[in-house]
Amino acid sequence: MTTIRAFSAEENMRRLKMQKSLTFIVVEGIDDVPLYESCLMMEAKAVDFDVIYSGGKKPIREFLASNKSTNAMFIVDKDFDDFTVTDSRVAALDRYSIENYFICEEVISHSVKFAISCKFRDAIEAFDLTEFTEKTTRAIETLIKVLFYYQRHAVHLVDSASKQSWSDEFLCGNNTWELSSDQINALITKLAPTARDVADAEAYYVRHFKCSGALINSFPGKMLKTSLQRYIRQQVIQIKPGAKGKYNNVEDMRALLSSVLHHSSSLKSALRSVVDFLASRNLGAS
């Protein structure tokens, strides 16, 4: 079996400086590489480019500050870490991360149509995200304030040994797609133990948080993946009871939605400057 060459984040950033004749799209995480590559290949089919990862925002900031190369564009997540850099080579998502674009009736319906054997227009009429969006939004209203405050402010006030991890917390209730108030309250208490801490978080959020569109778009999509998977599975079975073999776990859902993510009009809009950049590189090479 042929071994796949894998570059580290540090090697990728060195490639930007050394391989100036190549065209690069730089994203933050390694798991995002195939998602962006798939979407961009659908929009810029005639362009030769390489999608690589940086390992986070810091290497991107450092590269932009020290290098004027024009052979790359950088895509950064909105998340809770303020990027603070204005540069024409940067495309910033308007959602927390690329996984948040899975929460989209266009994307889900393009996937669901295969599970229920129908056309897209029938799938999008049958599938409804309203209940998921409304109930999830109500459930996360306080939690997002605490997460934002902790990540942007409180975490910098404690030593490394006292820092709390939170991004992998499981928030679903037992045997349901709905988020558990007990799980959410436990996480809030973990990060903001007192009522004063929660009040400080809410005040900080009001002063500094910039919400674009629905609140659920600004919440860590990774933390909603199990909830979304269970919701899609429930909806599919309600529409077609015989389709019980679909969307059985998060990995299956991610694979199924990844293959149709390019149908998201919101993601297309967010990546428009990247597609334009690729087109300009193609014209320059011809």
Foldseek 3Di string as FASTA:
>chain_A
DDDDDDDDLVRVLVCVVVVLLAAEEEEADPVCQVLVVLLLCVLQVPFDHHYYYNNHLVSVVVCVVPDDRLRYAYEYAPALDDNPDDDLSYQYAQFRDLLLLLLDLQLLLVLLCVLQVHDSVVSSVLDDCVVVQVQQLVLCVLVVLLVNCCVPPVVVVDDPVLHDDDLPQAQCDPPALGGDSVSSVVVSCSRQVDPVSSVVSVVVCVVDPDHDPRPSRHDPSSNNQQSVLRSSLVSSCVVPVVSNVASPDSVRSCVSSSNRSSSRPSVCVSCVSVSVSSVVSVVVVD
